[in-house]
């Protein structure tokens, strides 16, 4: 079953078995693809256009952001392709006090300047060391500012976490370390009511697209990614 593959894709010990940033035979048969090859930033660019920010680097099979200045730069890293219905899995870890996110269904359109104005975000956070950890809908694993994940879904700062998200027509689900952290309808009146009650209420294009790029957020603090895998689903 695909679910078993999803749980194991970022399992501890991947480095020891030599499977980091690789697809198994079963994953290839099920249509999975690597979005990060473990060597360079092929297939990724800057949300504002052009090549990725030099703050994004690859070392020892890990994609990392390490800017040290704690300031937003607009240097979000985005896929070259758009995706509609899909499953995505990846491993992430964040520095103490760190904040980042995986955004999806995002578009760079003339009316916007930032990826979060259109794209949904699966939150990455040090729940203990960052002030946003005190806001339930901002904790790690949340559909940012829209859902509240179970307490304790995330591992401590500096530890690898395994994230999974699934976008179907009309439904979005997110998991962190095997725990379901979000399960919501998408595009219907209930979705629009949810957005209207959030900080995105004044962003008219937020959560309105049925396909878009996937983005890794530059929030200024160090964050690391590996085993970024995606498979498209039937529309």
C-alpha atoms as a PDB file:
ATOM      1  CA  UNK A   1       0.000   0.000   0.000  1.00  0.00           C
ATOM      2  CA  UNK A   2       1.175   3.536  -0.723  1.00  0.00           C
ATOM      3  CA  UNK A   3       0.605   4.595   2.879  1.00  0.00           C
ATOM      4  CA  UNK A   4       3.300   2.212   4.082  1.00  0.00           C
ATOM      5  CA  UNK A   5       5.768   3.728   1.635  1.00  0.00           C
ATOM      6  CA  UNK A   6       4.860   7.222   2.764  1.00  0.00           C
ATOM      7  CA  UNK A   7       5.530   6.453   6.388  1.00  0.00           C
ATOM      8  CA  UNK A   8       8.880   4.840   5.660  1.00  0.00           C
ATOM      9  CA  UNK A   9      10.157   7.328   3.068  1.00  0.00           C
ATOM     10  CA  UNK A  10      11.763   9.580   5.664  1.00  0.00           C
ATOM     11  CA  UNK A  11      12.328   7.028   8.397  1.00  0.00           C
ATOM     12  CA  UNK A  12      15.297   7.372  10.760  1.00  0.00           C
ATOM     13  CA  UNK A  13      18.340   5.559   9.476  1.00  0.00           C
ATOM     14  CA  UNK A  14      17.892   6.544   5.839  1.00  0.00           C
ATOM     15  CA  UNK A  15      21.463   7.841   5.732  1.00  0.00           C
ATOM     16  CA  UNK A  16      22.813   4.514   7.035  1.00  0.00           C
ATOM     17  CA  UNK A  17      20.977   2.449   4.440  1.00  0.00           C
ATOM     18  CA  UNK A  18      21.919   4.724   1.548  1.00  0.00           C
ATOM     19  CA  UNK A  19      18.315   5.501   0.618  1.00  0.00           C
ATOM     20  CA  UNK A  20      18.326   9.249   1.290  1.00  0.00           C
ATOM     21  CA  UNK A  21      16.998  11.192  -1.719  1.00  0.00           C
ATOM     22  CA  UNK A  22      16.344   7.991  -3.646  1.00  0.00           C
ATOM     23  CA  UNK A  23      13.218   6.221  -4.841  1.00  0.00           C
ATOM     24  CA  UNK A  24      12.562   2.580  -4.168  1.00  0.00           C
ATOM     25  CA  UNK A  25      11.410   0.318  -6.973  1.00  0.00           C
ATOM     26  CA  UNK A  26       7.927   0.341  -5.458  1.00  0.00           C
ATOM     27  CA  UNK A  27       7.843   4.135  -5.284  1.00  0.00           C
ATOM     28  CA  UNK A  28       8.838   4.414  -8.934  1.00  0.00           C
ATOM     29  CA  UNK A  29       6.110   1.960  -9.862  1.00  0.00           C
ATOM     30  CA  UNK A  30       3.581   4.055  -7.929  1.00  0.00           C
ATOM     31  CA  UNK A  31       4.542   7.226  -9.802  1.00  0.00           C
ATOM     32  CA  UNK A  32       6.692   8.971  -7.222  1.00  0.00           C
ATOM     33  CA  UNK A  33       9.374  11.426  -8.341  1.00  0.00           C
ATOM     34  CA  UNK A  34      12.177  13.193  -6.525  1.00  0.00           C
ATOM     35  CA  UNK A  35      11.798  16.967  -6.344  1.00  0.00           C
ATOM     36  CA  UNK A  36      15.262  17.271  -4.783  1.00  0.00           C
ATOM     37  CA  UNK A  37      18.045  15.125  -6.205  1.00  0.00           C
ATOM     38  CA  UNK A  38      20.389  15.503  -3.222  1.00  0.00           C
ATOM     39  CA  UNK A  39      23.107  17.149  -5.309  1.00  0.00           C
ATOM     40  CA  UNK A  40      21.940  20.564  -6.512  1.00  0.00           C
ATOM     41  CA  UNK A  41      18.909  22.828  -6.964  1.00  0.00           C
ATOM     42  CA  UNK A  42      17.832  21.483 -10.356  1.00  0.00           C
ATOM     43  CA  UNK A  43      14.100  22.000 -10.795  1.00  0.00           C
ATOM     44  CA  UNK A  44      13.913  24.861  -8.284  1.00  0.00           C
ATOM     45  CA  UNK A  45      13.961  28.624  -8.619  1.00  0.00           C
ATOM     46  CA  UNK A  46      13.136  31.830  -6.804  1.00  0.00           C
ATOM     47  CA  UNK A  47       9.494  32.821  -6.305  1.00  0.00           C
ATOM     48  CA  UNK A  48      10.344  36.269  -7.615  1.00  0.00           C
ATOM     49  CA  UNK A  49      11.841  34.700 -10.728  1.00  0.00           C
ATOM     50  CA  UNK A  50      15.295  33.618 -11.760  1.00  0.00           C
ATOM     51  CA  UNK A  51      17.812  31.486  -9.941  1.00  0.00           C
ATOM     52  CA  UNK A  52      17.490  30.575  -6.271  1.00  0.00           C
ATOM     53  CA  UNK A  53      18.829  32.848  -3.578  1.00  0.00           C
ATOM     54  CA  UNK A  54      22.446  32.023  -2.657  1.00  0.00           C
ATOM     55  CA  UNK A  55      21.167  31.436   0.874  1.00  0.00           C
ATOM     56  CA  UNK A  56      19.890  28.039  -0.326  1.00  0.00           C
ATOM     57  CA  UNK A  57      22.671  25.471  -0.536  1.00  0.00           C
ATOM     58  CA  UNK A  58      23.123  21.699  -0.760  1.00  0.00           C
ATOM     59  CA  UNK A  59      25.540  19.854   1.499  1.00  0.00           C
ATOM     60  CA  UNK A  60      25.843  16.127   2.199  1.00  0.00           C
ATOM     61  CA  UNK A  61      22.546  15.380   0.477  1.00  0.00           C
ATOM     62  CA  UNK A  62      20.611  17.987   2.433  1.00  0.00           C
ATOM     63  CA  UNK A  63      18.961  21.147   1.097  1.00  0.00           C
ATOM     64  CA  UNK A  64      19.500  23.942   3.586  1.00  0.00           C
ATOM     65  CA  UNK A  65      18.811  27.591   4.248  1.00  0.00           C
ATOM     66  CA  UNK A  66      21.278  29.271   6.577  1.00  0.00           C
ATOM     67  CA  UNK A  67      21.230  33.048   6.359  1.00  0.00           C
ATOM     68  CA  UNK A  68      22.143  33.932   9.953  1.00  0.00           C
ATOM     69  CA  UNK A  69      20.572  37.385   9.818  1.00  0.00           C
ATOM     70  CA  UNK A  70      17.013  36.529  10.842  1.00  0.00           C
ATOM     71  CA  UNK A  71      15.472  38.853   8.262  1.00  0.00           C
ATOM     72  CA  UNK A  72      12.947  38.083   5.554  1.00  0.00           C
ATOM     73  CA  UNK A  73      14.438  38.365   2.082  1.00  0.00           C
ATOM     74  CA  UNK A  74      11.691  37.094  -0.191  1.00  0.00           C
ATOM     75  CA  UNK A  75      14.045  34.240  -1.064  1.00  0.00           C
ATOM     76  CA  UNK A  76      11.435  31.488  -1.065  1.00  0.00           C
ATOM     77  CA  UNK A  77      12.465  28.462  -3.121  1.00  0.00           C
ATOM     78  CA  UNK A  78       9.825  27.169  -5.554  1.00  0.00           C
ATOM     79  CA  UNK A  79       9.389  24.297  -7.970  1.00  0.00           C
ATOM     80  CA  UNK A  80       9.645  24.966 -11.667  1.00  0.00           C
ATOM     81  CA  UNK A  81       6.404  23.061 -12.241  1.00  0.00           C
ATOM     82  CA  UNK A  82       2.867  23.489 -10.941  1.00  0.00           C
ATOM     83  CA  UNK A  83       0.969  20.684  -9.271  1.00  0.00           C
ATOM     84  CA  UNK A  84      -2.760  20.215  -8.740  1.00  0.00           C
ATOM     85  CA  UNK A  85      -3.818  16.943  -7.109  1.00  0.00           C
ATOM     86  CA  UNK A  86      -0.793  15.270  -5.544  1.00  0.00           C
ATOM     87  CA  UNK A  87       0.876  13.725  -2.528  1.00  0.00           C
ATOM     88  CA  UNK A  88       4.106  15.174  -1.149  1.00  0.00           C
ATOM     89  CA  UNK A  89       6.421  13.769   1.484  1.00  0.00           C
ATOM     90  CA  UNK A  90       9.616  15.222   2.887  1.00  0.00           C
ATOM     91  CA  UNK A  91      11.819  15.373   5.958  1.00  0.00           C
ATOM     92  CA  UNK A  92      12.598  18.645   7.661  1.00  0.00           C
ATOM     93  CA  UNK A  93      14.407  19.942  10.700  1.00  0.00           C
ATOM     94  CA  UNK A  94      14.650  23.458  12.041  1.00  0.00           C
ATOM     95  CA  UNK A  95      17.144  25.290  14.230  1.00  0.00           C
ATOM     96  CA  UNK A  96      16.240  26.239  17.817  1.00  0.00           C
ATOM     97  CA  UNK A  97      13.799  29.146  17.652  1.00  0.00           C
ATOM     98  CA  UNK A  98      13.304  28.545  13.941  1.00  0.00           C
ATOM     99  CA  UNK A  99      10.307  29.065  11.663  1.00  0.00           C
ATOM    100  CA  UNK A 100       9.689  27.999   8.051  1.00  0.00           C
ATOM    101  CA  UNK A 101       7.027  26.275   5.995  1.00  0.00           C
ATOM    102  CA  UNK A 102       6.087  24.210   2.977  1.00  0.00           C
ATOM    103  CA  UNK A 103       3.663  26.137   0.782  1.00  0.00           C
ATOM    104  CA  UNK A 104       1.594  24.767  -2.069  1.00  0.00           C
ATOM    105  CA  UNK A 105      -1.074  25.720  -4.625  1.00  0.00           C
ATOM    106  CA  UNK A 106       0.810  29.028  -4.854  1.00  0.00           C
ATOM    107  CA  UNK A 107       0.928  31.329  -7.875  1.00  0.00           C
ATOM    108  CA  UNK A 108       3.090  34.295  -8.773  1.00  0.00           C
ATOM    109  CA  UNK A 109       0.487  36.688 -10.155  1.00  0.00           C
ATOM    110  CA  UNK A 110       0.671  40.465 -10.715  1.00  0.00           C
ATOM    111  CA  UNK A 111      -1.590  41.268  -7.766  1.00  0.00           C
ATOM    112  CA  UNK A 112       0.742  39.608  -5.249  1.00  0.00           C
ATOM    113  CA  UNK A 113       4.284  39.982  -3.977  1.00  0.00           C
ATOM    114  CA  UNK A 114       4.696  37.011  -1.626  1.00  0.00           C
ATOM    115  CA  UNK A 115       4.103  33.292  -1.924  1.00  0.00           C
ATOM    116  CA  UNK A 116       1.882  33.264   1.189  1.00  0.00           C
ATOM    117  CA  UNK A 117      -0.630  35.583  -0.468  1.00  0.00           C
ATOM    118  CA  UNK A 118      -1.849  32.680  -2.612  1.00  0.00           C
ATOM    119  CA  UNK A 119      -0.315  29.481  -1.238  1.00  0.00           C
ATOM    120  CA  UNK A 120      -1.399  27.326   1.675  1.00  0.00           C
ATOM    121  CA  UNK A 121       1.278  26.551   4.250  1.00  0.00           C
ATOM    122  CA  UNK A 122       2.169  23.499   6.260  1.00  0.00           C
ATOM    123  CA  UNK A 123       3.928  25.111   9.183  1.00  0.00           C
ATOM    124  CA  UNK A 124       7.497  24.271  10.188  1.00  0.00           C
ATOM    125  CA  UNK A 125       8.365  25.529  13.663  1.00  0.00           C
ATOM    126  CA  UNK A 126      10.312  24.984  16.843  1.00  0.00           C
ATOM    127  CA  UNK A 127       7.145  24.868  18.947  1.00  0.00           C
ATOM    128  CA  UNK A 128       9.065  25.279  22.198  1.00  0.00           C
ATOM    129  CA  UNK A 129      11.590  27.921  21.208  1.00  0.00           C
ATOM    130  CA  UNK A 130       9.564  30.177  18.872  1.00  0.00           C
ATOM    131  CA  UNK A 131       6.882  32.547  20.092  1.00  0.00           C
ATOM    132  CA  UNK A 132       4.424  31.234  17.493  1.00  0.00           C
ATOM    133  CA  UNK A 133       4.415  27.956  19.379  1.00  0.00           C
ATOM    134  CA  UNK A 134       2.045  29.646  21.844  1.00  0.00           C
ATOM    135  CA  UNK A 135      -0.536  30.112  19.048  1.00  0.00           C
ATOM    136  CA  UNK A 136      -2.306  26.764  18.468  1.00  0.00           C
ATOM    137  CA  UNK A 137      -2.926  27.300  14.740  1.00  0.00           C
ATOM    138  CA  UNK A 138       0.721  28.264  14.202  1.00  0.00           C
ATOM    139  CA  UNK A 139       2.317  25.136  15.664  1.00  0.00           C
ATOM    140  CA  UNK A 140       4.326  22.725  13.528  1.00  0.00           C
ATOM    141  CA  UNK A 141       2.146  20.662  11.219  1.00  0.00           C
ATOM    142  CA  UNK A 142      -0.718  23.163  11.164  1.00  0.00           C
ATOM    143  CA  UNK A 143      -2.347  24.320   7.977  1.00  0.00           C
ATOM    144  CA  UNK A 144      -1.036  27.697   9.002  1.00  0.00           C
ATOM    145  CA  UNK A 145      -3.580  29.893  10.813  1.00  0.00           C
ATOM    146  CA  UNK A 146      -6.391  27.620   9.629  1.00  0.00           C
ATOM    147  CA  UNK A 147      -6.169  24.390  11.644  1.00  0.00           C
ATOM    148  CA  UNK A 148      -4.871  23.323  15.062  1.00  0.00           C
ATOM    149  CA  UNK A 149      -2.589  20.268  15.123  1.00  0.00           C
ATOM    150  CA  UNK A 150      -2.463  17.844  18.044  1.00  0.00           C
ATOM    151  CA  UNK A 151      -0.041  18.845  20.790  1.00  0.00           C
ATOM    152  CA  UNK A 152       3.327  17.139  20.499  1.00  0.00           C
ATOM    153  CA  UNK A 153       3.145  16.174  16.823  1.00  0.00           C
ATOM    154  CA  UNK A 154       6.560  17.717  16.145  1.00  0.00           C
ATOM    155  CA  UNK A 155       9.943  16.523  17.340  1.00  0.00           C
ATOM    156  CA  UNK A 156      12.334  18.938  19.113  1.00  0.00           C
ATOM    157  CA  UNK A 157      14.372  21.503  17.214  1.00  0.00           C
ATOM    158  CA  UNK A 158      17.348  19.899  15.500  1.00  0.00           C
ATOM    159  CA  UNK A 159      15.512  16.589  14.984  1.00  0.00           C
ATOM    160  CA  UNK A 160      14.265  15.272  11.662  1.00  0.00           C
ATOM    161  CA  UNK A 161      10.488  15.352  11.186  1.00  0.00           C
ATOM    162  CA  UNK A 162       8.596  13.493   8.463  1.00  0.00           C
ATOM    163  CA  UNK A 163       5.842  15.504   6.750  1.00  0.00           C
ATOM    164  CA  UNK A 164       3.206  14.328   4.332  1.00  0.00           C
ATOM    165  CA  UNK A 165       0.443  16.236   2.611  1.00  0.00           C
ATOM    166  CA  UNK A 166      -2.246  15.185   0.182  1.00  0.00           C
ATOM    167  CA  UNK A 167      -4.210  17.504  -2.093  1.00  0.00           C
ATOM    168  CA  UNK A 168      -7.329  15.997  -3.635  1.00  0.00           C
ATOM    169  CA  UNK A 169     -10.094  17.809  -5.447  1.00  0.00           C
ATOM    170  CA  UNK A 170     -12.038  19.460  -2.648  1.00  0.00           C
ATOM    171  CA  UNK A 171      -9.990  18.054   0.238  1.00  0.00           C
ATOM    172  CA  UNK A 172      -6.628  18.751   1.874  1.00  0.00           C
ATOM    173  CA  UNK A 173      -4.878  16.621   4.478  1.00  0.00           C
ATOM    174  CA  UNK A 174      -1.568  16.980   6.281  1.00  0.00           C
ATOM    175  CA  UNK A 175       0.395  14.613   8.527  1.00  0.00           C
ATOM    176  CA  UNK A 176       3.464  15.150  10.698  1.00  0.00           C
ATOM    177  CA  UNK A 177       5.396  12.136  11.956  1.00  0.00           C
ATOM    178  CA  UNK A 178       2.388   9.962  11.148  1.00  0.00           C
ATOM    179  CA  UNK A 179      -0.111  12.159  13.025  1.00  0.00           C
ATOM    180  CA  UNK A 180      -2.969  13.757  11.086  1.00  0.00           C
ATOM    181  CA  UNK A 181      -2.614  17.511  11.664  1.00  0.00           C
ATOM    182  CA  UNK A 182      -5.130  18.930   9.164  1.00  0.00           C
ATOM    183  CA  UNK A 183      -8.140  17.603   7.263  1.00  0.00           C
ATOM    184  CA  UNK A 184     -10.284  20.244   5.598  1.00  0.00           C
ATOM    185  CA  UNK A 185     -12.518  20.763   2.594  1.00  0.00           C
ATOM    186  CA  UNK A 186     -11.139  23.052  -0.088  1.00  0.00           C
ATOM    187  CA  UNK A 187     -12.839  25.543  -2.380  1.00  0.00           C
ATOM    188  CA  UNK A 188     -16.330  25.228  -0.906  1.00  0.00           C
ATOM    189  CA  UNK A 189     -18.318  27.596   1.368  1.00  0.00           C
ATOM    190  CA  UNK A 190     -16.823  25.965   4.473  1.00  0.00           C
ATOM    191  CA  UNK A 191     -13.329  26.676   3.128  1.00  0.00           C
ATOM    192  CA  UNK A 192     -14.168  30.285   2.347  1.00  0.00           C
ATOM    193  CA  UNK A 193     -15.612  30.738   5.839  1.00  0.00           C
ATOM    194  CA  UNK A 194     -12.442  29.285   7.338  1.00  0.00           C
ATOM    195  CA  UNK A 195     -10.281  31.721   5.354  1.00  0.00           C
ATOM    196  CA  UNK A 196     -12.557  34.652   6.267  1.00  0.00           C
ATOM    197  CA  UNK A 197     -11.893  33.924   9.946  1.00  0.00           C
ATOM    198  CA  UNK A 198      -8.097  33.851   9.482  1.00  0.00           C
ATOM    199  CA  UNK A 199      -5.292  36.350   8.914  1.00  0.00           C
ATOM    200  CA  UNK A 200      -5.728  35.709   5.166  1.00  0.00           C
ATOM    201  CA  UNK A 201      -9.170  37.330   5.020  1.00  0.00           C
ATOM    202  CA  UNK A 202      -7.778  40.412   3.265  1.00  0.00           C
ATOM    203  CA  UNK A 203      -5.814  38.417   0.667  1.00  0.00           C
ATOM    204  CA  UNK A 204      -8.421  37.850  -2.061  1.00  0.00           C
ATOM    205  CA  UNK A 205      -6.390  35.276  -4.001  1.00  0.00           C
ATOM    206  CA  UNK A 206      -5.360  33.149  -1.035  1.00  0.00           C
ATOM    207  CA  UNK A 207      -6.452  29.546  -1.368  1.00  0.00           C
ATOM    208  CA  UNK A 208      -8.283  30.077  -4.654  1.00  0.00           C
ATOM    209  CA  UNK A 209      -6.140  28.107  -7.133  1.00  0.00           C
ATOM    210  CA  UNK A 210      -6.521  24.442  -7.980  1.00  0.00           C
ATOM    211  CA  UNK A 211      -2.857  24.103  -8.950  1.00  0.00           C
ATOM    212  CA  UNK A 212       0.367  25.929  -8.222  1.00  0.00           C
ATOM    213  CA  UNK A 213       4.005  25.697  -7.286  1.00  0.00           C
ATOM    214  CA  UNK A 214       5.390  24.160  -4.115  1.00  0.00           C
ATOM    215  CA  UNK A 215       7.583  26.489  -2.070  1.00  0.00           C
ATOM    216  CA  UNK A 216      10.068  26.142   0.765  1.00  0.00           C
ATOM    217  CA  UNK A 217       9.924  29.268   2.857  1.00  0.00           C
ATOM    218  CA  UNK A 218      12.820  31.576   3.622  1.00  0.00           C
ATOM    219  CA  UNK A 219      11.788  32.925   7.023  1.00  0.00           C
ATOM    220  CA  UNK A 220      15.332  33.894   7.943  1.00  0.00           C
ATOM    221  CA  UNK A 221      16.167  31.033  10.289  1.00  0.00           C
ATOM    222  CA  UNK A 222      18.127  27.878   9.426  1.00  0.00           C
ATOM    223  CA  UNK A 223      16.055  24.976   8.094  1.00  0.00           C
ATOM    224  CA  UNK A 224      16.991  21.705   6.396  1.00  0.00           C
ATOM    225  CA  UNK A 225      15.153  19.408   3.943  1.00  0.00           C
ATOM    226  CA  UNK A 226      15.730  15.985   2.401  1.00  0.00           C
ATOM    227  CA  UNK A 227      13.757  13.147   0.748  1.00  0.00           C
ATOM    228  CA  UNK A 228      11.413  15.551  -1.057  1.00  0.00           C
ATOM    229  CA  UNK A 229       9.115  13.235  -3.030  1.00  0.00           C
ATOM    230  CA  UNK A 230       5.907  13.826  -4.958  1.00  0.00           C
ATOM    231  CA  UNK A 231       3.407  11.836  -6.955  1.00  0.00           C
ATOM    232  CA  UNK A 232       0.596  13.268  -9.018  1.00  0.00           C
ATOM    233  CA  UNK A 233      -2.910  11.967  -8.322  1.00  0.00           C
ATOM    234  CA  UNK A 234      -5.827  11.548 -10.720  1.00  0.00           C
ATOM    235  CA  UNK A 235      -7.709  14.827 -11.165  1.00  0.00           C
END
